[in-house]
Amino acid sequence: MYEFDVAYIYFMNKHLLLHKWIALSDPNSENFNEVTAYLKLSISVSCTGDEQIQITDDTGPDDDKVMMPTSIKPEYYQVAFRFYKGEKLPIMD
């Protein structure tokens, strides 16, 4: 399940939501906050007199940004890494 207002898309550039990933959740599950699937979609909204926009196939690289429904509250964690470079010591006889 994912919900958004049609006006949100209509007021976007060219009235078009193009090749965007959305996170889906299952409203019938015990944990409604859990992402159950991802879907990539394109939607065009037009009114009388608006130019019709042709939705094209997605040939570009994937966009890492995922549109999340407000019902999903993701938990974020931070991981820190440190890298050390060791020097090779000469072998002494």
Protein backbone atom coordinates (compact mmCIF):
# COMPACT_ATOMS: atom_id res chain seq x y z
CA MET A 1 0.00 0.00 0.00
CA TYR A 2 1.19 3.51 -0.81
CA GLU A 3 -0.89 6.69 -0.80
CA PHE A 4 -0.28 10.16 -2.21
CA ASP A 5 -2.39 13.01 -3.48
CA VAL A 6 -2.86 13.34 -7.27
CA ALA A 7 -2.25 17.08 -6.87
CA TYR A 8 1.27 16.23 -5.64
CA ILE A 9 2.06 14.75 -9.06
CA TYR A 10 0.16 17.41 -11.01
CA PHE A 11 2.31 20.19 -9.51
CA MET A 12 5.55 18.39 -10.36
CA ASN A 13 7.56 19.34 -13.47
CA LYS A 14 5.49 18.39 -16.56
CA HIS A 15 2.83 16.84 -14.24
CA LEU A 16 4.98 13.70 -14.15
CA LEU A 17 6.39 11.35 -11.55
CA LEU A 18 9.01 9.48 -13.56
CA HIS A 19 10.85 6.26 -12.67
CA LYS A 20 10.62 6.57 -8.88
CA TRP A 21 11.00 3.79 -6.34
CA ILE A 22 8.34 3.56 -3.65
CA ALA A 23 8.29 1.39 -0.55
CA LEU A 24 5.15 -0.65 -0.02
CA SER A 25 3.72 -1.91 3.26
CA ASP A 26 0.99 -4.41 4.03
CA PRO A 27 -1.87 -2.78 5.99
CA ASN A 28 -3.19 -6.23 7.00
CA SER A 29 0.05 -7.40 8.60
CA GLU A 30 0.88 -7.24 12.30
CA ASN A 31 3.78 -4.87 11.65
CA PHE A 32 2.37 -2.16 9.39
CA ASN A 33 5.67 -0.21 9.67
CA GLU A 34 7.59 -2.91 7.82
CA VAL A 35 8.54 -2.49 4.15
CA THR A 36 7.18 -5.55 2.33
CA ALA A 37 8.07 -4.66 -1.26
CA TYR A 38 9.50 -2.01 -3.57
CA LEU A 39 7.92 -0.83 -6.80
CA LYS A 40 9.33 1.43 -9.50
CA LEU A 41 6.63 3.47 -11.19
CA SER A 42 5.84 6.39 -13.46
CA ILE A 43 2.61 8.39 -13.33
CA SER A 44 1.39 11.24 -15.53
CA VAL A 45 -1.54 13.43 -14.47
CA SER A 46 -3.15 15.78 -17.00
CA CYS A 47 -6.23 17.95 -17.32
CA THR A 48 -8.04 19.33 -20.35
CA GLY A 49 -5.63 21.49 -22.32
CA ASP A 50 -2.47 20.02 -20.79
CA GLU A 51 0.20 18.60 -23.07
CA GLN A 52 0.26 14.80 -23.04
CA ILE A 53 3.65 13.54 -21.89
CA GLN A 54 4.89 10.21 -23.20
CA ILE A 55 6.33 8.03 -20.45
CA THR A 56 9.51 6.42 -21.74
CA ASP A 57 11.32 3.26 -20.69
CA ASP A 58 13.84 3.71 -17.92
CA THR A 59 17.28 3.37 -19.46
CA GLY A 60 19.26 5.35 -16.92
CA PRO A 61 20.91 4.27 -13.69
CA ASP A 62 18.70 3.53 -10.70
CA ASP A 63 17.92 6.38 -8.37
CA ASP A 64 18.84 5.45 -4.80
CA LYS A 65 16.08 7.57 -3.29
CA VAL A 66 12.97 5.65 -2.22
CA MET A 67 9.67 7.39 -1.51
CA MET A 68 8.48 6.11 1.89
CA PRO A 69 4.87 6.17 3.08
CA THR A 70 4.40 8.18 6.25
CA SER A 71 3.25 5.04 8.09
CA ILE A 72 6.74 3.53 7.82
CA LYS A 73 9.16 4.79 10.44
CA PRO A 74 12.57 3.43 9.44
CA GLU A 75 15.29 3.03 12.04
CA TYR A 76 18.69 4.36 11.03
CA TYR A 77 22.00 3.13 12.36
CA GLN A 78 25.45 4.57 11.96
CA VAL A 79 28.52 2.46 11.38
CA ALA A 80 32.03 3.88 11.71
CA PHE A 81 35.06 2.35 10.04
CA ARG A 82 38.75 3.07 10.60
CA PHE A 83 41.38 1.89 8.19
CA TYR A 84 45.01 1.52 9.16
CA LYS A 85 47.89 1.04 6.81
CA GLY A 86 50.75 -1.04 8.09
CA GLU A 87 54.30 -0.71 6.84
CA LYS A 88 56.36 -3.72 5.91
CA LEU A 89 59.49 -3.87 8.01
CA PRO A 90 62.77 -5.08 6.49
CA ILE A 91 63.82 -8.59 7.47
CA MET A 92 67.01 -8.55 9.58
CA ASP A 93 69.42 -11.51 9.33
